[in-house]
Amino acid sequence: DFLIVPDTTKDPRFNENPLVTGPPDIKFYAGVPLLSPEGYKLGTLCV
């Protein structure tokens, strides 16, 4: 129902991502999918 990445530099999915290794230097991510009325995941609300 959500994705939390406490330290992006230690997660192999993200540790080489340019958004982690350079600006904006994301080191933490938490997001919850936004659903259409039919239940399709369209995007997220994230911090």
All heavy atoms as atom14 arrays in JSON, in Angstrom:
{
  "sequence": "DFLIVPDTTKDPRFNENPLVTGPPDIKFYAGVPLLSPEGYKLGTLCV",
  "atom14_mask": [
    [1, 1, 1, 1, 1, 1, 1, 1, 0, 0, 0, 0, 0, 0],
    [1, 1, 1, 1, 1, 1, 1, 1, 1, 1, 1, 0, 0, 0],
    [1, 1, 1, 1, 1, 1, 1, 1, 0, 0, 0, 0, 0, 0],
    [1, 1, 1, 1, 1, 1, 1, 1, 0, 0, 0, 0, 0, 0],
    [1, 1, 1, 1, 1, 1, 1, 0, 0, 0, 0, 0, 0, 0],
    [1, 1, 1, 1, 1, 1, 1, 0, 0, 0, 0, 0, 0, 0],
    [1, 1, 1, 1, 1, 1, 1, 1, 0, 0, 0, 0, 0, 0],
    [1, 1, 1, 1, 1, 1, 1, 0, 0, 0, 0, 0, 0, 0],
    [1, 1, 1, 1, 1, 1, 1, 0, 0, 0, 0, 0, 0, 0],
    [1, 1, 1, 1, 1, 1, 1, 1, 1, 0, 0, 0, 0, 0],
    [1, 1, 1, 1, 1, 1, 1, 1, 0, 0, 0, 0, 0, 0],
    [1, 1, 1, 1, 1, 1, 1, 0, 0, 0, 0, 0, 0, 0],
    [1, 1, 1, 1, 1, 1, 1, 1, 1, 1, 1, 0, 0, 0],
    [1, 1, 1, 1, 1, 1, 1, 1, 1, 1, 1, 0, 0, 0],
    [1, 1, 1, 1, 1, 1, 1, 1, 0, 0, 0, 0, 0, 0],
    [1, 1, 1, 1, 1, 1, 1, 1, 1, 0, 0, 0, 0, 0],
    [1, 1, 1, 1, 1, 1, 1, 1, 0, 0, 0, 0, 0, 0],
    [1, 1, 1, 1, 1, 1, 1, 0, 0, 0, 0, 0, 0, 0],
    [1, 1, 1, 1, 1, 1, 1, 1, 0, 0, 0, 0, 0, 0],
    [1, 1, 1, 1, 1, 1, 1, 0, 0, 0, 0, 0, 0, 0],
    [1, 1, 1, 1, 1, 1, 1, 0, 0, 0, 0, 0, 0, 0],
    [1, 1, 1, 1, 0, 0, 0, 0, 0, 0, 0, 0, 0, 0],
    [1, 1, 1, 1, 1, 1, 1, 0, 0, 0, 0, 0, 0, 0],
    [1, 1, 1, 1, 1, 1, 1, 0, 0, 0, 0, 0, 0, 0],
    [1, 1, 1, 1, 1, 1, 1, 1, 0, 0, 0, 0, 0, 0],
    [1, 1, 1, 1, 1, 1, 1, 1, 0, 0, 0, 0, 0, 0],
    [1, 1, 1, 1, 1, 1, 1, 1, 1, 0, 0, 0, 0, 0],
    [1, 1, 1, 1, 1, 1, 1, 1, 1, 1, 1, 0, 0, 0],
    [1, 1, 1, 1, 1, 1, 1, 1, 1, 1, 1, 1, 0, 0],
    [1, 1, 1, 1, 1, 0, 0, 0, 0, 0, 0, 0, 0, 0],
    [1, 1, 1, 1, 0, 0, 0, 0, 0, 0, 0, 0, 0, 0],
    [1, 1, 1, 1, 1, 1, 1, 0, 0, 0, 0, 0, 0, 0],
    [1, 1, 1, 1, 1, 1, 1, 0, 0, 0, 0, 0, 0, 0],
    [1, 1, 1, 1, 1, 1, 1, 1, 0, 0, 0, 0, 0, 0],
    [1, 1, 1, 1, 1, 1, 1, 1, 0, 0, 0, 0, 0, 0],
    [1, 1, 1, 1, 1, 1, 0, 0, 0, 0, 0, 0, 0, 0],
    [1, 1, 1, 1, 1, 1, 1, 0, 0, 0, 0, 0, 0, 0],
    [1, 1, 1, 1, 1, 1, 1, 1, 1, 0, 0, 0, 0, 0],
    [1, 1, 1, 1, 0, 0, 0, 0, 0, 0, 0, 0, 0, 0],
    [1, 1, 1, 1, 1, 1, 1, 1, 1, 1, 1, 1, 0, 0],
    [1, 1, 1, 1, 1, 1, 1, 1, 1, 0, 0, 0, 0, 0],
    [1, 1, 1, 1, 1, 1, 1, 1, 0, 0, 0, 0, 0, 0],
    [1, 1, 1, 1, 0, 0, 0, 0, 0, 0, 0, 0, 0, 0],
    [1, 1, 1, 1, 1, 1, 1, 0, 0, 0, 0, 0, 0, 0],
    [1, 1, 1, 1, 1, 1, 1, 1, 0, 0, 0, 0, 0, 0],
    [1, 1, 1, 1, 1, 1, 0, 0, 0, 0, 0, 0, 0, 0],
    [1, 1, 1, 1, 1, 1, 1, 0, 0, 0, 0, 0, 0, 0]
  ],
  "atom14_positions": [
    [[0.81, -1.21, 0.0], [0.0, 0.0, 0.0], [0.85, 1.27, 0.0], [0.31, 2.36, -0.2], [-0.92, 0.02, 1.23], [-1.99, -1.05, 1.15], [-2.34, -1.48, 0.04], [-2.49, -1.45, 2.22], [0.0, 0.0, 0.0], [0.0, 0.0, 0.0], [0.0, 0.0, 0.0], [0.0, 0.0, 0.0], [0.0, 0.0, 0.0], [0.0, 0.0, 0.0]],
    [[2.15, 1.14, 0.23], [3.05, 2.29, 0.26], [4.47, 1.8, 0.04], [4.75, 0.6, 0.11], [2.95, 3.04, 1.6], [3.19, 2.16, 2.79], [4.48, 1.94, 3.25], [2.13, 1.55, 3.44], [4.71, 1.11, 4.33], [2.36, 0.72, 4.53], [3.65, 0.5, 4.98], [0.0, 0.0, 0.0], [0.0, 0.0, 0.0], [0.0, 0.0, 0.0]],
    [[5.37, 2.74, -0.24], [6.79, 2.43, -0.37], [7.56, 3.39, 0.51], [7.39, 4.61, 0.4], [7.25, 2.6, -1.83], [8.75, 2.45, -2.09], [9.23, 1.03, -1.77], [9.09, 2.82, -3.52], [0.0, 0.0, 0.0], [0.0, 0.0, 0.0], [0.0, 0.0, 0.0], [0.0, 0.0, 0.0], [0.0, 0.0, 0.0], [0.0, 0.0, 0.0]],
    [[8.38, 2.84, 1.4], [9.26, 3.65, 2.22], [10.69, 3.18, 1.99], [10.98, 1.98, 2.08], [8.91, 3.55, 3.72], [7.5, 4.11, 3.97], [9.95, 4.3, 4.57], [7.02, 4.0, 5.4], [0.0, 0.0, 0.0], [0.0, 0.0, 0.0], [0.0, 0.0, 0.0], [0.0, 0.0, 0.0], [0.0, 0.0, 0.0], [0.0, 0.0, 0.0]],
    [[11.57, 4.13, 1.67], [12.99, 3.84, 1.48], [13.73, 4.7, 2.49], [13.97, 5.88, 2.27], [13.44, 4.16, 0.04], [14.91, 3.76, -0.15], [12.55, 3.48, -0.98], [0.0, 0.0, 0.0], [0.0, 0.0, 0.0], [0.0, 0.0, 0.0], [0.0, 0.0, 0.0], [0.0, 0.0, 0.0], [0.0, 0.0, 0.0], [0.0, 0.0, 0.0]],
    [[14.1, 4.11, 3.65], [14.72, 4.89, 4.73], [16.05, 5.52, 4.35], [16.38, 6.61, 4.79], [14.91, 3.88, 5.85], [13.96, 2.77, 5.55], [13.84, 2.74, 4.05], [0.0, 0.0, 0.0], [0.0, 0.0, 0.0], [0.0, 0.0, 0.0], [0.0, 0.0, 0.0], [0.0, 0.0, 0.0], [0.0, 0.0, 0.0], [0.0, 0.0, 0.0]],
    [[16.86, 4.83, 3.51], [18.16, 5.36, 3.08], [18.39, 4.92, 1.64], [18.74, 3.77, 1.39], [19.27, 4.85, 4.0], [20.62, 5.49, 3.71], [20.8, 6.07, 2.6], [21.51, 5.39, 4.56], [0.0, 0.0, 0.0], [0.0, 0.0, 0.0], [0.0, 0.0, 0.0], [0.0, 0.0, 0.0], [0.0, 0.0, 0.0], [0.0, 0.0, 0.0]],
    [[18.18, 5.83, 0.72], [18.29, 5.49, -0.7], [19.69, 5.04, -1.09], [19.85, 4.29, -2.04], [17.88, 6.69, -1.57], [18.74, 7.79, -1.27], [16.43, 7.08, -1.32], [0.0, 0.0, 0.0], [0.0, 0.0, 0.0], [0.0, 0.0, 0.0], [0.0, 0.0, 0.0], [0.0, 0.0, 0.0], [0.0, 0.0, 0.0], [0.0, 0.0, 0.0]],
    [[20.7, 5.49, -0.35], [22.08, 5.12, -0.68], [22.38, 3.66, -0.36], [23.36, 3.12, -0.85], [23.1, 6.01, 0.05], [23.02, 5.8, 1.45], [22.87, 7.48, -0.27], [0.0, 0.0, 0.0], [0.0, 0.0, 0.0], [0.0, 0.0, 0.0], [0.0, 0.0, 0.0], [0.0, 0.0, 0.0], [0.0, 0.0, 0.0], [0.0, 0.0, 0.0]],
    [[21.53, 3.04, 0.44], [21.73, 1.63, 0.82], [20.76, 0.69, 0.11], [20.81, -0.52, 0.33], [21.58, 1.48, 2.33], [22.67, 2.18, 3.08], [22.54, 2.01, 4.56], [23.66, 2.75, 5.29], [23.51, 2.7, 6.73], [0.0, 0.0, 0.0], [0.0, 0.0, 0.0], [0.0, 0.0, 0.0], [0.0, 0.0, 0.0], [0.0, 0.0, 0.0]],
    [[19.9, 1.23, -0.76], [18.92, 0.42, -1.48], [19.42, 0.23, -2.91], [19.58, 1.21, -3.64], [17.56, 1.14, -1.47], [16.44, 0.28, -2.0], [16.61, -0.32, -3.09], [15.4, 0.21, -1.33], [0.0, 0.0, 0.0], [0.0, 0.0, 0.0], [0.0, 0.0, 0.0], [0.0, 0.0, 0.0], [0.0, 0.0, 0.0], [0.0, 0.0, 0.0]],
    [[19.66, -1.02, -3.33], [20.22, -1.26, -4.67], [19.32, -0.77, -5.81], [19.81, -0.54, -6.91], [20.43, -2.77, -4.72], [19.63, -3.34, -3.61], [19.47, -2.26, -2.58], [0.0, 0.0, 0.0], [0.0, 0.0, 0.0], [0.0, 0.0, 0.0], [0.0, 0.0, 0.0], [0.0, 0.0, 0.0], [0.0, 0.0, 0.0], [0.0, 0.0, 0.0]],
    [[18.04, -0.57, -5.57], [17.15, -0.03, -6.61], [17.45, 1.44, -6.89], [17.15, 1.93, -7.98], [15.68, -0.16, -6.2], [15.2, -1.59, -6.05], [13.82, -1.62, -5.47], [13.86, -1.1, -4.08], [12.78, -0.97, -3.32], [11.58, -1.29, -3.78], [12.9, -0.52, -2.08], [0.0, 0.0, 0.0], [0.0, 0.0, 0.0], [0.0, 0.0, 0.0]],
    [[18.03, 2.14, -5.91], [18.15, 3.59, -6.0], [19.55, 4.15, -5.79], [19.79, 5.32, -6.1], [17.21, 4.25, -4.99], [15.79, 3.8, -5.12], [15.21, 3.01, -4.14], [15.03, 4.14, -6.22], [13.9, 2.58, -4.26], [13.72, 3.73, -6.35], [13.15, 2.94, -5.37], [0.0, 0.0, 0.0], [0.0, 0.0, 0.0], [0.0, 0.0, 0.0]],
    [[20.48, 3.37, -5.26], [21.77, 3.94, -4.85], [22.6, 4.53, -5.99], [23.47, 5.35, -5.75], [22.59, 2.95, -4.03], [22.98, 1.72, -4.79], [22.59, 1.52, -5.92], [23.75, 0.86, -4.15], [0.0, 0.0, 0.0], [0.0, 0.0, 0.0], [0.0, 0.0, 0.0], [0.0, 0.0, 0.0], [0.0, 0.0, 0.0], [0.0, 0.0, 0.0]],
    [[22.32, 4.18, -7.24], [23.02, 4.78, -8.38], [22.13, 5.74, -9.16], [22.54, 6.27, -10.2], [23.56, 3.69, -9.29], [24.65, 2.86, -8.61], [25.26, 1.82, -9.53], [25.06, 1.88, -10.76], [25.94, 0.93, -9.0], [0.0, 0.0, 0.0], [0.0, 0.0, 0.0], [0.0, 0.0, 0.0], [0.0, 0.0, 0.0], [0.0, 0.0, 0.0]],
    [[20.96, 6.02, -8.66], [20.01, 6.92, -9.3], [20.59, 8.34, -9.27], [21.05, 8.81, -8.22], [18.69, 6.86, -8.53], [17.58, 7.66, -9.14], [17.76, 8.79, -9.56], [16.4, 7.06, -9.16], [0.0, 0.0, 0.0], [0.0, 0.0, 0.0], [0.0, 0.0, 0.0], [0.0, 0.0, 0.0], [0.0, 0.0, 0.0], [0.0, 0.0, 0.0]],
    [[20.59, 9.08, -10.38], [21.14, 10.44, -10.37], [20.4, 11.4, -9.44], [20.97, 12.4, -9.02], [21.04, 10.89, -11.83], [20.19, 9.91, -12.51], [20.17, 8.66, -11.7], [0.0, 0.0, 0.0], [0.0, 0.0, 0.0], [0.0, 0.0, 0.0], [0.0, 0.0, 0.0], [0.0, 0.0, 0.0], [0.0, 0.0, 0.0], [0.0, 0.0, 0.0]],
    [[19.16, 11.09, -9.08], [18.43, 11.91, -8.11], [18.92, 11.68, -6.69], [18.62, 12.46, -5.79], [16.92, 11.65, -8.21], [16.3, 11.87, -9.58], [14.84, 11.4, -9.6], [16.42, 13.32, -10.0], [0.0, 0.0, 0.0], [0.0, 0.0, 0.0], [0.0, 0.0, 0.0], [0.0, 0.0, 0.0], [0.0, 0.0, 0.0], [0.0, 0.0, 0.0]],
    [[19.69, 10.61, -6.49], [20.3, 10.28, -5.19], [21.75, 10.74, -5.16], [22.19, 11.35, -4.19], [20.21, 8.76, -4.92], [21.0, 8.36, -3.69], [18.76, 8.31, -4.8], [0.0, 0.0, 0.0], [0.0, 0.0, 0.0], [0.0, 0.0, 0.0], [0.0, 0.0, 0.0], [0.0, 0.0, 0.0], [0.0, 0.0, 0.0], [0.0, 0.0, 0.0]],
    [[22.47, 10.48, -6.24], [23.9, 10.78, -6.28], [24.2, 12.25, -6.55], [25.32, 12.7, -6.35], [24.61, 9.91, -7.33], [24.05, 10.19, -8.62], [24.46, 8.43, -7.01], [0.0, 0.0, 0.0], [0.0, 0.0, 0.0], [0.0, 0.0, 0.0], [0.0, 0.0, 0.0], [0.0, 0.0, 0.0], [0.0, 0.0, 0.0], [0.0, 0.0, 0.0]],
    [[23.22, 12.99, -7.04], [23.36, 14.42, -7.32], [22.07, 15.13, -6.95], [21.17, 14.55, -6.35], [0.0, 0.0, 0.0], [0.0, 0.0, 0.0], [0.0, 0.0, 0.0], [0.0, 0.0, 0.0], [0.0, 0.0, 0.0], [0.0, 0.0, 0.0], [0.0, 0.0, 0.0], [0.0, 0.0, 0.0], [0.0, 0.0, 0.0], [0.0, 0.0, 0.0]],
    [[21.99, 16.42, -7.3], [20.79, 17.17, -6.96], [19.53, 16.5, -7.51], [19.57, 15.99, -8.62], [21.01, 18.53, -7.64], [22.49, 18.63, -7.82], [22.97, 17.21, -8.02], [0.0, 0.0, 0.0], [0.0, 0.0, 0.0], [0.0, 0.0, 0.0], [0.0, 0.0, 0.0], [0.0, 0.0, 0.0], [0.0, 0.0, 0.0], [0.0, 0.0, 0.0]],
    [[18.52, 16.39, -6.72], [18.24, 17.04, -5.44], [18.71, 16.24, -4.22], [18.31, 16.53, -3.1], [16.72, 17.17, -5.45], [16.25, 15.97, -6.2], [17.29, 15.76, -7.28], [0.0, 0.0, 0.0], [0.0, 0.0, 0.0], [0.0, 0.0, 0.0], [0.0, 0.0, 0.0], [0.0, 0.0, 0.0], [0.0, 0.0, 0.0], [0.0, 0.0, 0.0]],
    [[19.57, 15.24, -4.41], [20.19, 14.49, -3.3], [19.16, 13.8, -2.4], [19.24, 13.88, -1.18], [21.09, 15.42, -2.47], [22.2, 16.01, -3.32], [22.93, 15.22, -3.95], [22.33, 17.24, -3.35], [0.0, 0.0, 0.0], [0.0, 0.0, 0.0], [0.0, 0.0, 0.0], [0.0, 0.0, 0.0], [0.0, 0.0, 0.0], [0.0, 0.0, 0.0]],
    [[18.24, 13.08, -3.01], [17.2, 12.38, -2.25], [17.82, 11.23, -1.45], [18.48, 10.36, -2.01], [16.11, 11.84, -3.19], [15.43, 13.0, -3.91], [15.1, 10.98, -2.42], [14.54, 12.57, -5.07], [0.0, 0.0, 0.0], [0.0, 0.0, 0.0], [0.0, 0.0, 0.0], [0.0, 0.0, 0.0], [0.0, 0.0, 0.0], [0.0, 0.0, 0.0]],
    [[17.64, 11.25, -0.16], [18.17, 10.18, 0.71], [17.06, 9.41, 1.43], [17.3, 8.37, 2.0], [19.12, 10.79, 1.76], [20.31, 11.53, 1.15], [21.15, 10.65, 0.25], [22.38, 11.32, -0.27], [22.27, 11.93, -1.58], [0.0, 0.0, 0.0], [0.0, 0.0, 0.0], [0.0, 0.0, 0.0], [0.0, 0.0, 0.0], [0.0, 0.0, 0.0]],
    [[15.85, 9.95, 1.39], [14.68, 9.29, 2.0], [13.49, 9.49, 1.09], [13.31, 10.57, 0.51], [14.38, 9.9, 3.37], [13.05, 9.47, 3.94], [12.94, 8.26, 4.58], [11.93, 10.28, 3.81], [11.71, 7.85, 5.09], [10.7, 9.88, 4.32], [10.59, 8.66, 4.96], [0.0, 0.0, 0.0], [0.0, 0.0, 0.0], [0.0, 0.0, 0.0]],
    [[12.68, 8.43, 0.95], [11.45, 8.51, 0.15], [10.35, 7.75, 0.86], [10.56, 6.64, 1.36], [11.67, 7.87, -1.23], [10.4, 7.75, -2.03], [10.0, 8.77, -2.87], [9.59, 6.63, -1.93], [8.82, 8.68, -3.59], [8.41, 6.52, -2.64], [8.03, 7.56, -3.48], [6.86, 7.46, -4.18], [0.0, 0.0, 0.0], [0.0, 0.0, 0.0]],
    [[9.16, 8.33, 0.89], [7.95, 7.63, 1.35], [6.81, 8.07, 0.44], [6.57, 9.26, 0.26], [7.63, 7.97, 2.8], [0.0, 0.0, 0.0], [0.0, 0.0, 0.0], [0.0, 0.0, 0.0], [0.0, 0.0, 0.0], [0.0, 0.0, 0.0], [0.0, 0.0, 0.0], [0.0, 0.0, 0.0], [0.0, 0.0, 0.0], [0.0, 0.0, 0.0]],
    [[6.15, 7.09, -0.18], [5.08, 7.42, -1.1], [3.93, 6.42, -1.01], [4.13, 5.25, -0.7], [0.0, 0.0, 0.0], [0.0, 0.0, 0.0], [0.0, 0.0, 0.0], [0.0, 0.0, 0.0], [0.0, 0.0, 0.0], [0.0, 0.0, 0.0], [0.0, 0.0, 0.0], [0.0, 0.0, 0.0], [0.0, 0.0, 0.0], [0.0, 0.0, 0.0]],
    [[2.75, 6.94, -1.27], [1.54, 6.13, -1.29], [0.87, 6.33, -2.65], [0.76, 7.46, -3.14], [0.6, 6.48, -0.12], [0.16, 7.92, -0.15], [-0.6, 5.55, -0.07], [0.0, 0.0, 0.0], [0.0, 0.0, 0.0], [0.0, 0.0, 0.0], [0.0, 0.0, 0.0], [0.0, 0.0, 0.0], [0.0, 0.0, 0.0], [0.0, 0.0, 0.0]],
    [[0.46, 5.24, -3.31], [-0.16, 5.37, -4.62], [-1.5, 6.12, -4.56], [-2.25, 6.0, -3.59], [-0.39, 3.92, -5.06], [0.62, 3.13, -4.31], [0.73, 3.82, -2.98], [0.0, 0.0, 0.0], [0.0, 0.0, 0.0], [0.0, 0.0, 0.0], [0.0, 0.0, 0.0], [0.0, 0.0, 0.0], [0.0, 0.0, 0.0], [0.0, 0.0, 0.0]],
    [[-1.75, 6.87, -5.62], [-3.04, 7.52, -5.82], [-3.84, 6.63, -6.77], [-3.35, 6.26, -7.84], [-2.85, 8.91, -6.43], [-1.99, 9.87, -5.61], [-1.74, 11.15, -6.41], [-2.67, 10.18, -4.29], [0.0, 0.0, 0.0], [0.0, 0.0, 0.0], [0.0, 0.0, 0.0], [0.0, 0.0, 0.0], [0.0, 0.0, 0.0], [0.0, 0.0, 0.0]],
    [[-5.05, 6.29, -6.36], [-5.86, 5.34, -7.12], [-7.01, 6.03, -7.84], [-7.65, 6.94, -7.29], [-6.45, 4.28, -6.18], [-5.46, 3.48, -5.34], [-6.2, 2.55, -4.4], [-4.51, 2.7, -6.22], [0.0, 0.0, 0.0], [0.0, 0.0, 0.0], [0.0, 0.0, 0.0], [0.0, 0.0, 0.0], [0.0, 0.0, 0.0], [0.0, 0.0, 0.0]],
    [[-7.31, 5.55, -9.05], [-8.5, 5.99, -9.77], [-9.72, 5.34, -9.11], [-9.57, 4.38, -8.33], [-8.42, 5.58, -11.23], [-8.62, 4.18, -11.36], [0.0, 0.0, 0.0], [0.0, 0.0, 0.0], [0.0, 0.0, 0.0], [0.0, 0.0, 0.0], [0.0, 0.0, 0.0], [0.0, 0.0, 0.0], [0.0, 0.0, 0.0], [0.0, 0.0, 0.0]],
    [[-10.93, 5.8, -9.41], [-12.13, 5.14, -8.85], [-12.2, 3.65, -9.19], [-12.77, 2.86, -8.44], [-13.29, 5.91, -9.48], [-12.73, 7.26, -9.78], [-11.28, 7.0, -10.17], [0.0, 0.0, 0.0], [0.0, 0.0, 0.0], [0.0, 0.0, 0.0], [0.0, 0.0, 0.0], [0.0, 0.0, 0.0], [0.0, 0.0, 0.0], [0.0, 0.0, 0.0]],
    [[-11.57, 3.27, -10.3], [-11.56, 1.86, -10.71], [-10.45, 1.06, -10.04], [-10.33, -0.14, -10.24], [-11.42, 1.75, -12.24], [-12.53, 2.4, -13.01], [-12.39, 3.92, -13.13], [-11.27, 4.44, -12.97], [-13.41, 4.57, -13.38], [0.0, 0.0, 0.0], [0.0, 0.0, 0.0], [0.0, 0.0, 0.0], [0.0, 0.0, 0.0], [0.0, 0.0, 0.0]],
    [[-9.59, 1.71, -9.27], [-8.53, 1.02, -8.56], [-7.18, 1.02, -9.26], [-6.24, 0.37, -8.8], [0.0, 0.0, 0.0], [0.0, 0.0, 0.0], [0.0, 0.0, 0.0], [0.0, 0.0, 0.0], [0.0, 0.0, 0.0], [0.0, 0.0, 0.0], [0.0, 0.0, 0.0], [0.0, 0.0, 0.0], [0.0, 0.0, 0.0], [0.0, 0.0, 0.0]],
    [[-7.03, 1.77, -10.36], [-5.75, 1.84, -11.06], [-4.81, 2.81, -10.33], [-5.22, 3.88, -9.9], [-5.93, 2.32, -12.5], [-6.74, 1.36, -13.33], [-8.05, 1.67, -13.69], [-6.2, 0.15, -13.75], [-8.8, 0.8, -14.45], [-6.94, -0.74, -14.51], [-8.25, -0.4, -14.86], [-8.98, -1.27, -15.61], [0.0, 0.0, 0.0], [0.0, 0.0, 0.0]],
    [[-3.55, 2.42, -10.21], [-2.55, 3.28, -9.6], [-2.05, 4.27, -10.65], [-1.46, 3.88, -11.64], [-1.39, 2.45, -9.04], [-1.81, 1.54, -7.91], [-0.65, 0.68, -7.44], [-1.07, -0.25, -6.33], [0.05, -1.12, -5.91], [0.0, 0.0, 0.0], [0.0, 0.0, 0.0], [0.0, 0.0, 0.0], [0.0, 0.0, 0.0], [0.0, 0.0, 0.0]],
    [[-2.29, 5.56, -10.4], [-2.0, 6.6, -11.37], [-0.71, 7.37, -11.07], [-0.08, 7.92, -11.96], [-3.14, 7.61, -11.42], [-4.52, 7.04, -11.72], [-5.57, 8.12, -11.6], [-4.54, 6.4, -13.1], [0.0, 0.0, 0.0], [0.0, 0.0, 0.0], [0.0, 0.0, 0.0], [0.0, 0.0, 0.0], [0.0, 0.0, 0.0], [0.0, 0.0, 0.0]],
    [[-0.35, 7.43, -9.81], [0.79, 8.2, -9.37], [0.9, 8.1, -7.87], [0.4, 7.14, -7.28], [0.0, 0.0, 0.0], [0.0, 0.0, 0.0], [0.0, 0.0, 0.0], [0.0, 0.0, 0.0], [0.0, 0.0, 0.0], [0.0, 0.0, 0.0], [0.0, 0.0, 0.0], [0.0, 0.0, 0.0], [0.0, 0.0, 0.0], [0.0, 0.0, 0.0]],
    [[1.5, 9.1, -7.24], [1.69, 9.03, -5.78], [1.58, 10.4, -5.12], [1.73, 11.44, -5.76], [3.09, 8.49, -5.41], [4.07, 9.42, -5.82], [3.36, 7.13, -6.0], [0.0, 0.0, 0.0], [0.0, 0.0, 0.0], [0.0, 0.0, 0.0], [0.0, 0.0, 0.0], [0.0, 0.0, 0.0], [0.0, 0.0, 0.0], [0.0, 0.0, 0.0]],
    [[1.37, 10.33, -3.83], [1.62, 11.43, -2.92], [2.86, 10.98, -2.16], [2.86, 9.87, -1.58], [0.45, 11.64, -1.96], [0.71, 12.58, -0.78], [1.04, 13.98, -1.25], [-0.48, 12.58, 0.15], [0.0, 0.0, 0.0], [0.0, 0.0, 0.0], [0.0, 0.0, 0.0], [0.0, 0.0, 0.0], [0.0, 0.0, 0.0], [0.0, 0.0, 0.0]],
    [[3.92, 11.78, -2.19], [5.15, 11.34, -1.55], [5.86, 12.48, -0.85], [5.63, 13.65, -1.15], [6.09, 10.67, -2.56], [6.65, 11.76, -3.88], [0.0, 0.0, 0.0], [0.0, 0.0, 0.0], [0.0, 0.0, 0.0], [0.0, 0.0, 0.0], [0.0, 0.0, 0.0], [0.0, 0.0, 0.0], [0.0, 0.0, 0.0], [0.0, 0.0, 0.0]],
    [[6.71, 12.1, 0.1], [7.59, 13.04, 0.79], [9.02, 12.54, 0.63], [9.26, 11.33, 0.56], [7.22, 13.22, 2.28], [5.88, 13.91, 2.43], [7.22, 11.9, 3.03], [0.0, 0.0, 0.0], [0.0, 0.0, 0.0], [0.0, 0.0, 0.0], [0.0, 0.0, 0.0], [0.0, 0.0, 0.0], [0.0, 0.0, 0.0], [0.0, 0.0, 0.0]]
  ]
}
